[in-house]
């Protein structure tokens, strides 16, 4: 009976000594098996001197461990002289798990992992010449549930944007100030008129700050009457006040989507050109028009031209050319050209701006 009791006690004692998880030292999983060079202090000092006193980055490695894991570390200097300083610490909190000084070897040192975290392994040399280090890291899982845990670490860049507020003038509205360049009616004679021109040119110059400009041409008294009728209509509405009761101005400011098409018994051609093209046009009818606008056999025409569409001219002037192809009848032509300069309206507002973006690389557990 006594012998049986002693046997049972021995079995109980052995079972009590075994890990609760069922994992023993022989079940240790290799996390890393590394052989790497460790620079000497001479190289580290030279680097810091050439980099404005920044701290030299000694060899360091990152691995993740689960709470309750047992970490086993082996380390030795394979080639070289001097000693090592070895630190093992939790990366996020900086809590030190191990700090070894003046060592050349660590022989199966075991550490109980207090919390799930990424741990950093830093190896520094105390000798001025480089050396070669071999390090092995193993883990004994805390439980079967964490046995397949991936200790490898990847890196992720986190961005933290810092904002500031400043008073700044902000563009809230752009108005346009009209400037009438041409507002006239003139006679363009027939092709058979003696001594009277069937081709007429009208010069005008865009102001330096012109954003865009509009033109309107109407043939005969009918077009003039149509424009007068539209002016009277606008005089009864809000658009008239803003545009100075000028339909062409209202169109240029975007207050009218279009201008009326009028009826007439005559037709003209029109084009825009530079000064060099004026004489050939007036004498021979030879045309060298700008491409942004022209028309053949029209009784009424209008358009909006961006200043950027207009080629630069030597004298800064643009010439409107009008030709009457009728062999018998002369025609009255009404022309209105209006330029628009921007008038910017600003308000002082508190504006949110990016002061800087802090980028931080953080280790992330492997899957």
Protein backbone atom coordinates (compact mmCIF):
# COMPACT_ATOMS: atom_id res chain seq x y z
CA UNK A 1 0.00 0.00 0.00
CA UNK A 2 2.81 2.36 0.90
CA UNK A 3 4.58 1.58 -2.37
CA UNK A 4 1.40 2.35 -4.38
CA UNK A 5 1.00 5.70 -2.61
CA UNK A 6 4.60 6.67 -3.36
CA UNK A 7 4.11 5.85 -7.05
CA UNK A 8 0.92 7.97 -7.32
CA UNK A 9 2.61 10.86 -5.54
CA UNK A 10 5.50 10.73 -7.99
CA UNK A 11 3.13 10.83 -10.99
CA UNK A 12 1.27 13.80 -9.51
CA UNK A 13 4.52 15.67 -8.86
CA UNK A 14 5.75 15.13 -12.44
CA UNK A 15 2.40 16.28 -13.87
CA UNK A 16 2.55 19.39 -11.68
CA UNK A 17 5.96 20.27 -13.12
CA UNK A 18 4.78 20.07 -16.75
CA UNK A 19 3.57 23.36 -18.35
CA UNK A 20 -0.18 23.88 -18.20
CA UNK A 21 -0.20 24.57 -21.95
CA UNK A 22 1.28 21.20 -22.76
CA UNK A 23 4.37 22.84 -24.41
CA UNK A 24 7.87 22.12 -23.13
CA UNK A 25 11.29 23.47 -24.08
CA UNK A 26 11.63 20.92 -26.85
CA UNK A 27 8.50 22.41 -28.44
CA UNK A 28 10.09 25.86 -28.83
CA UNK A 29 9.29 27.52 -32.15
CA UNK A 30 12.15 29.29 -33.90
CA UNK A 31 11.26 32.93 -34.44
CA UNK A 32 14.59 34.06 -35.89
CA UNK A 33 17.98 32.53 -36.67
CA UNK A 34 20.21 35.46 -37.65
CA UNK A 35 23.85 36.06 -38.44
CA UNK A 36 24.62 39.72 -39.06
CA UNK A 37 27.45 42.27 -38.98
CA UNK A 38 27.67 44.75 -36.12
CA UNK A 39 29.53 47.98 -36.99
CA UNK A 40 32.21 49.21 -34.63
CA UNK A 41 32.13 52.40 -32.62
CA UNK A 42 34.46 54.10 -35.13
CA UNK A 43 31.87 53.83 -37.91
CA UNK A 44 29.05 54.86 -35.58
CA UNK A 45 30.90 57.95 -34.38
CA UNK A 46 31.80 59.02 -37.93
CA UNK A 47 28.18 58.63 -39.04
CA UNK A 48 26.86 60.75 -36.17
CA UNK A 49 29.48 63.43 -36.92
CA UNK A 50 28.37 63.62 -40.56
CA UNK A 51 24.68 63.66 -39.68
CA UNK A 52 24.45 66.62 -37.32
CA UNK A 53 24.62 64.61 -34.14
CA UNK A 54 21.76 62.25 -34.94
CA UNK A 55 21.84 58.95 -33.08
CA UNK A 56 23.34 56.06 -35.00
CA UNK A 57 20.96 53.20 -35.71
CA UNK A 58 22.57 50.00 -34.47
CA UNK A 59 21.31 46.62 -35.74
CA UNK A 60 17.79 46.12 -34.47
CA UNK A 61 15.09 43.54 -35.10
CA UNK A 62 11.39 43.39 -34.28
CA UNK A 63 9.26 40.37 -33.40
CA UNK A 64 5.86 39.90 -31.82
CA UNK A 65 5.03 37.73 -28.83
CA UNK A 66 1.82 36.74 -27.11
CA UNK A 67 1.10 37.32 -23.44
CA UNK A 68 2.33 34.35 -21.44
CA UNK A 69 4.82 33.20 -24.10
CA UNK A 70 8.26 32.13 -23.00
CA UNK A 71 11.03 33.80 -25.06
CA UNK A 72 14.38 32.04 -25.36
CA UNK A 73 17.34 34.07 -26.62
CA UNK A 74 20.80 32.87 -27.58
CA UNK A 75 23.53 35.25 -28.76
CA UNK A 76 27.26 35.10 -29.34
CA UNK A 77 30.03 37.01 -31.08
CA UNK A 78 31.30 34.78 -33.85
CA UNK A 79 34.02 37.06 -35.21
CA UNK A 80 35.58 40.24 -33.84
CA UNK A 81 36.62 41.73 -30.54
CA UNK A 82 35.07 43.66 -27.72
CA UNK A 83 31.70 43.26 -26.06
CA UNK A 84 28.05 43.86 -26.85
CA UNK A 85 25.32 45.88 -25.25
CA UNK A 86 22.00 44.12 -25.82
CA UNK A 87 18.60 45.63 -25.13
CA UNK A 88 15.24 43.91 -25.45
CA UNK A 89 12.30 46.22 -24.92
CA UNK A 90 8.64 46.60 -25.73
CA UNK A 91 8.51 48.88 -28.75
CA UNK A 92 5.37 50.91 -27.95
CA UNK A 93 5.91 51.58 -24.25
CA UNK A 94 9.70 51.35 -24.22
CA UNK A 95 9.50 49.03 -21.20
CA UNK A 96 12.82 47.18 -20.89
CA UNK A 97 12.65 43.40 -20.74
CA UNK A 98 16.42 42.89 -20.74
CA UNK A 99 19.51 45.11 -20.69
CA UNK A 100 22.83 43.32 -21.00
CA UNK A 101 26.15 45.17 -20.84
CA UNK A 102 29.71 44.01 -21.66
CA UNK A 103 28.62 40.61 -22.89
CA UNK A 104 29.83 38.44 -25.74
CA UNK A 105 27.37 35.63 -25.23
CA UNK A 106 23.82 34.96 -24.06
CA UNK A 107 23.16 31.28 -23.44
CA UNK A 108 19.51 30.24 -23.66
CA UNK A 109 18.22 33.14 -21.60
CA UNK A 110 14.49 32.74 -20.90
CA UNK A 111 12.00 35.57 -20.50
CA UNK A 112 8.33 35.42 -19.57
CA UNK A 113 6.36 37.75 -21.83
CA UNK A 114 4.14 40.00 -19.70
CA UNK A 115 1.88 41.35 -22.48
CA UNK A 116 1.15 40.85 -26.15
CA UNK A 117 3.42 43.30 -27.93
CA UNK A 118 6.15 43.86 -30.49
CA UNK A 119 9.60 43.58 -28.96
CA UNK A 120 12.73 45.28 -30.27
CA UNK A 121 16.16 43.66 -30.11
CA UNK A 122 19.08 46.13 -30.26
CA UNK A 123 22.72 45.08 -30.48
CA UNK A 124 25.53 47.65 -29.97
CA UNK A 125 29.27 47.09 -30.03
CA UNK A 126 31.76 48.52 -27.56
CA UNK A 127 34.75 47.93 -29.85
CA UNK A 128 35.87 50.33 -32.57
CA UNK A 129 36.13 47.55 -35.18
CA UNK A 130 33.16 45.65 -36.66
CA UNK A 131 32.19 42.15 -35.64
CA UNK A 132 29.79 39.36 -36.60
CA UNK A 133 26.97 38.33 -34.32
CA UNK A 134 24.73 35.25 -34.31
CA UNK A 135 21.36 35.47 -32.58
CA UNK A 136 18.61 32.89 -32.23
CA UNK A 137 15.16 33.75 -30.86
CA UNK A 138 12.56 31.13 -29.98
CA UNK A 139 9.16 31.12 -28.34
CA UNK A 140 7.26 28.57 -26.33
CA UNK A 141 3.55 29.36 -26.80
CA UNK A 142 1.48 30.10 -23.75
CA UNK A 143 -1.32 27.85 -25.00
CA UNK A 144 -2.46 25.73 -27.90
CA UNK A 145 -4.63 28.64 -29.05
CA UNK A 146 -1.58 30.83 -29.70
CA UNK A 147 0.71 28.16 -31.11
CA UNK A 148 0.18 29.36 -34.68
CA UNK A 149 0.78 33.01 -33.84
CA UNK A 150 2.93 34.77 -36.48
CA UNK A 151 5.80 36.52 -34.75
CA UNK A 152 6.94 38.36 -37.87
CA UNK A 153 6.32 42.09 -38.04
CA UNK A 154 5.42 44.38 -40.93
CA UNK A 155 5.56 48.16 -40.96
CA UNK A 156 2.80 50.68 -41.47
CA UNK A 157 3.15 54.44 -41.88
CA UNK A 158 0.70 56.49 -39.81
CA UNK A 159 0.05 60.12 -40.63
CA UNK A 160 -0.92 62.70 -38.05
CA UNK A 161 -1.95 65.98 -39.64
CA UNK A 162 -1.44 69.14 -37.58
CA UNK A 163 -3.64 72.06 -38.58
CA UNK A 164 -3.43 75.76 -37.90
CA UNK A 165 -5.87 78.62 -38.46
CA UNK A 166 -5.00 81.94 -40.05
CA UNK A 167 -6.86 85.04 -41.21
CA UNK A 168 -6.73 85.16 -44.97
CA UNK A 169 -8.39 87.10 -47.75
CA UNK A 170 -10.65 84.74 -49.64
CA UNK A 171 -12.11 85.40 -53.08
CA UNK A 172 -15.88 85.24 -52.66
CA UNK A 173 -17.12 86.86 -55.86
CA UNK A 174 -15.92 88.11 -59.22
CA UNK A 175 -17.82 90.95 -60.85
CA UNK A 176 -17.04 92.28 -64.30
CA UNK A 177 -16.74 95.95 -65.16
CA UNK A 178 -17.85 96.66 -68.73
CA UNK A 179 -15.97 99.06 -70.98
CA UNK A 180 -17.61 99.96 -74.28
CA UNK A 181 -15.01 99.93 -77.07
CA UNK A 182 -17.22 100.33 -80.14
CA UNK A 183 -20.83 101.56 -80.38
CA UNK A 184 -21.52 102.89 -83.83
CA UNK A 185 -23.54 102.51 -87.03
CA UNK A 186 -21.90 103.02 -90.41
CA UNK A 187 -22.66 102.60 -94.11
CA UNK A 188 -21.09 99.82 -96.14
CA UNK A 189 -21.73 100.58 -99.79
CA UNK A 190 -22.53 98.18 -102.62
CA UNK A 191 -19.94 96.56 -104.86
CA UNK A 192 -20.77 98.87 -107.77
CA UNK A 193 -20.59 102.16 -105.85
CA UNK A 194 -17.91 104.41 -107.28
CA UNK A 195 -15.54 105.90 -104.73
CA UNK A 196 -17.50 104.42 -101.82
CA UNK A 197 -16.13 101.43 -99.87
CA UNK A 198 -17.84 98.07 -99.89
CA UNK A 199 -15.30 96.91 -97.31
CA UNK A 200 -14.92 98.77 -94.01
CA UNK A 201 -12.58 98.13 -91.08
CA UNK A 202 -13.12 99.26 -87.49
CA UNK A 203 -10.12 99.25 -85.09
CA UNK A 204 -10.37 98.69 -81.34
CA UNK A 205 -7.96 97.88 -78.52
CA UNK A 206 -8.63 95.58 -75.58
CA UNK A 207 -7.79 97.01 -72.13
CA UNK A 208 -4.82 95.27 -70.44
CA UNK A 209 -6.93 93.52 -67.78
CA UNK A 210 -9.60 92.25 -70.15
CA UNK A 211 -10.96 88.84 -69.14
CA UNK A 212 -13.32 88.52 -72.09
CA UNK A 213 -15.16 90.66 -74.59
CA UNK A 214 -18.35 90.46 -76.65
CA UNK A 215 -19.34 91.71 -80.07
CA UNK A 216 -22.70 92.28 -81.74
CA UNK A 217 -23.35 93.12 -85.40
CA UNK A 218 -26.73 93.91 -86.92
CA UNK A 219 -27.57 94.75 -90.54
CA UNK A 220 -30.15 97.41 -91.44
CA UNK A 221 -32.57 99.45 -89.41
CA UNK A 222 -34.46 96.32 -88.42
CA UNK A 223 -31.60 95.13 -86.24
CA UNK A 224 -31.29 98.50 -84.56
CA UNK A 225 -35.03 98.52 -83.80
CA UNK A 226 -34.84 95.00 -82.40
CA UNK A 227 -32.04 96.05 -80.06
CA UNK A 228 -34.00 99.13 -78.96
CA UNK A 229 -37.02 96.96 -78.23
CA UNK A 230 -34.91 94.59 -76.13
CA UNK A 231 -33.46 97.55 -74.25
CA UNK A 232 -36.95 98.75 -73.31
CA UNK A 233 -37.85 95.27 -72.12
CA UNK A 234 -34.75 95.10 -69.95
CA UNK A 235 -35.56 98.52 -68.50
CA UNK A 236 -38.46 96.90 -66.68
CA UNK A 237 -36.37 94.16 -65.09
CA UNK A 238 -33.54 93.76 -62.61
CA UNK A 239 -31.04 92.87 -65.32
CA UNK A 240 -31.31 96.40 -66.66
CA UNK A 241 -30.08 97.94 -63.43
CA UNK A 242 -27.03 95.67 -63.29
CA UNK A 243 -26.10 96.07 -66.94
CA UNK A 244 -26.79 99.74 -67.54
CA UNK A 245 -29.78 98.85 -69.77
CA UNK A 246 -27.45 97.66 -72.52
CA UNK A 247 -28.39 94.18 -73.80
CA UNK A 248 -24.88 93.50 -75.13
CA UNK A 249 -23.42 94.36 -71.73
CA UNK A 250 -26.04 92.17 -70.03
CA UNK A 251 -25.08 89.29 -72.33
CA UNK A 252 -21.39 89.76 -71.56
CA UNK A 253 -22.08 89.68 -67.82
CA UNK A 254 -24.11 86.50 -68.11
CA UNK A 255 -27.42 88.20 -67.29
CA UNK A 256 -28.83 87.28 -70.71
CA UNK A 257 -28.29 83.80 -72.13
CA UNK A 258 -28.56 85.04 -75.73
CA UNK A 259 -29.35 88.04 -77.92
CA UNK A 260 -32.27 88.11 -80.37
CA UNK A 261 -31.92 87.10 -83.99
CA UNK A 262 -33.23 89.89 -86.23
CA UNK A 263 -34.59 90.06 -89.75
CA UNK A 264 -33.03 92.07 -92.53
CA UNK A 265 -33.07 92.34 -96.30
CA UNK A 266 -29.26 92.53 -96.55
CA UNK A 267 -26.30 90.35 -95.79
CA UNK A 268 -22.68 91.02 -94.88
CA UNK A 269 -19.47 89.12 -94.19
CA UNK A 270 -17.38 89.91 -91.13
CA UNK A 271 -14.00 88.91 -89.72
CA UNK A 272 -11.36 90.04 -87.22
CA UNK A 273 -7.74 90.65 -88.24
CA UNK A 274 -4.49 92.43 -87.40
CA UNK A 275 -3.19 95.68 -88.92
CA UNK A 276 -1.11 93.92 -91.59
CA UNK A 277 -4.22 92.27 -93.00
CA UNK A 278 -6.23 95.52 -93.26
CA UNK A 279 -4.84 96.92 -96.55
CA UNK A 280 -5.17 93.66 -98.55
CA UNK A 281 -8.72 93.30 -97.24
CA UNK A 282 -9.78 96.88 -98.05
CA UNK A 283 -8.20 96.97 -101.52
CA UNK A 284 -8.62 93.45 -102.90
CA UNK A 285 -10.95 91.66 -100.51
CA UNK A 286 -8.12 89.34 -99.54
CA UNK A 287 -8.79 87.82 -96.14
CA UNK A 288 -6.38 86.78 -93.39
CA UNK A 289 -8.78 86.40 -90.47
CA UNK A 290 -8.22 85.42 -86.87
CA UNK A 291 -9.80 82.07 -86.17
CA UNK A 292 -11.83 82.92 -83.09
CA UNK A 293 -14.81 84.46 -84.97
CA UNK A 294 -15.97 85.19 -88.51
CA UNK A 295 -19.15 84.91 -90.56
CA UNK A 296 -20.37 84.88 -94.17
CA UNK A 297 -23.71 86.23 -95.38
CA UNK A 298 -25.03 87.10 -91.94
CA UNK A 299 -27.73 89.57 -90.99
CA UNK A 300 -26.98 89.37 -87.28
CA UNK A 301 -24.08 87.93 -85.25
CA UNK A 302 -22.77 88.05 -81.71
CA UNK A 303 -20.32 86.17 -79.54
CA UNK A 304 -18.25 86.06 -76.38
CA UNK A 305 -14.46 85.81 -76.77
CA UNK A 306 -11.97 85.01 -73.99
CA UNK A 307 -8.94 87.32 -73.99
CA UNK A 308 -6.73 84.25 -74.16
CA UNK A 309 -8.20 83.39 -77.57
CA UNK A 310 -6.97 86.61 -79.15
CA UNK A 311 -3.47 86.59 -80.72
CA UNK A 312 -1.12 89.37 -79.62
CA UNK A 313 -0.74 92.15 -82.19
CA UNK A 314 2.20 94.50 -82.76
CA UNK A 315 0.19 97.66 -82.09
CA UNK A 316 -2.19 96.04 -79.59
CA UNK A 317 -5.14 96.71 -81.86
CA UNK A 318 -7.68 94.36 -83.44
CA UNK A 319 -9.60 95.26 -86.59
CA UNK A 320 -13.16 94.28 -87.41
CA UNK A 321 -13.67 93.91 -91.15
CA UNK A 322 -17.11 94.12 -92.76
CA UNK A 323 -17.87 93.47 -96.47
CA UNK A 324 -21.09 94.04 -98.41
CA UNK A 325 -21.44 91.64 -101.38
CA UNK A 326 -24.60 93.28 -102.71
CA UNK A 327 -23.97 94.79 -106.14
CA UNK A 328 -26.71 97.43 -105.88
CA UNK A 329 -27.75 98.12 -102.30
CA UNK A 330 -25.67 99.75 -99.61
CA UNK A 331 -26.27 98.60 -96.03
CA UNK A 332 -26.17 100.20 -92.62
CA UNK A 333 -24.30 98.09 -90.11
CA UNK A 334 -24.57 98.56 -86.33
CA UNK A 335 -21.59 97.34 -84.24
CA UNK A 336 -21.22 97.08 -80.48
CA UNK A 337 -18.02 95.75 -78.85
CA UNK A 338 -17.67 95.67 -75.06
CA UNK A 339 -14.69 94.49 -72.97
CA UNK A 340 -15.02 93.18 -69.40
CA UNK A 341 -12.41 93.60 -66.70
CA UNK A 342 -12.65 91.49 -63.53
CA UNK A 343 -13.43 93.10 -60.20
CA UNK A 344 -12.53 90.65 -57.45
CA UNK A 345 -14.40 90.75 -54.15
CA UNK A 346 -12.54 89.43 -51.10
CA UNK A 347 -13.50 88.73 -47.50
CA UNK A 348 -11.22 88.08 -44.55
CA UNK A 349 -11.95 84.64 -43.17
CA UNK A 350 -10.34 82.24 -40.74
CA UNK A 351 -8.88 79.54 -42.94
CA UNK A 352 -7.84 76.06 -41.80
CA UNK A 353 -4.41 75.12 -43.14
CA UNK A 354 -2.11 72.17 -42.83
CA UNK A 355 0.83 73.16 -40.64
CA UNK A 356 2.67 69.86 -40.97
CA UNK A 357 2.16 66.15 -41.38
CA UNK A 358 3.90 63.88 -38.90
CA UNK A 359 4.64 60.46 -40.36
CA UNK A 360 5.41 57.61 -38.00
CA UNK A 361 6.35 54.05 -38.92
CA UNK A 362 4.86 51.53 -36.52
CA UNK A 363 5.28 47.76 -36.41
CA UNK A 364 2.23 45.59 -37.01
CA UNK A 365 1.76 41.94 -36.10
CA UNK A 366 1.90 39.46 -38.96
CA UNK A 367 -1.24 37.52 -39.84
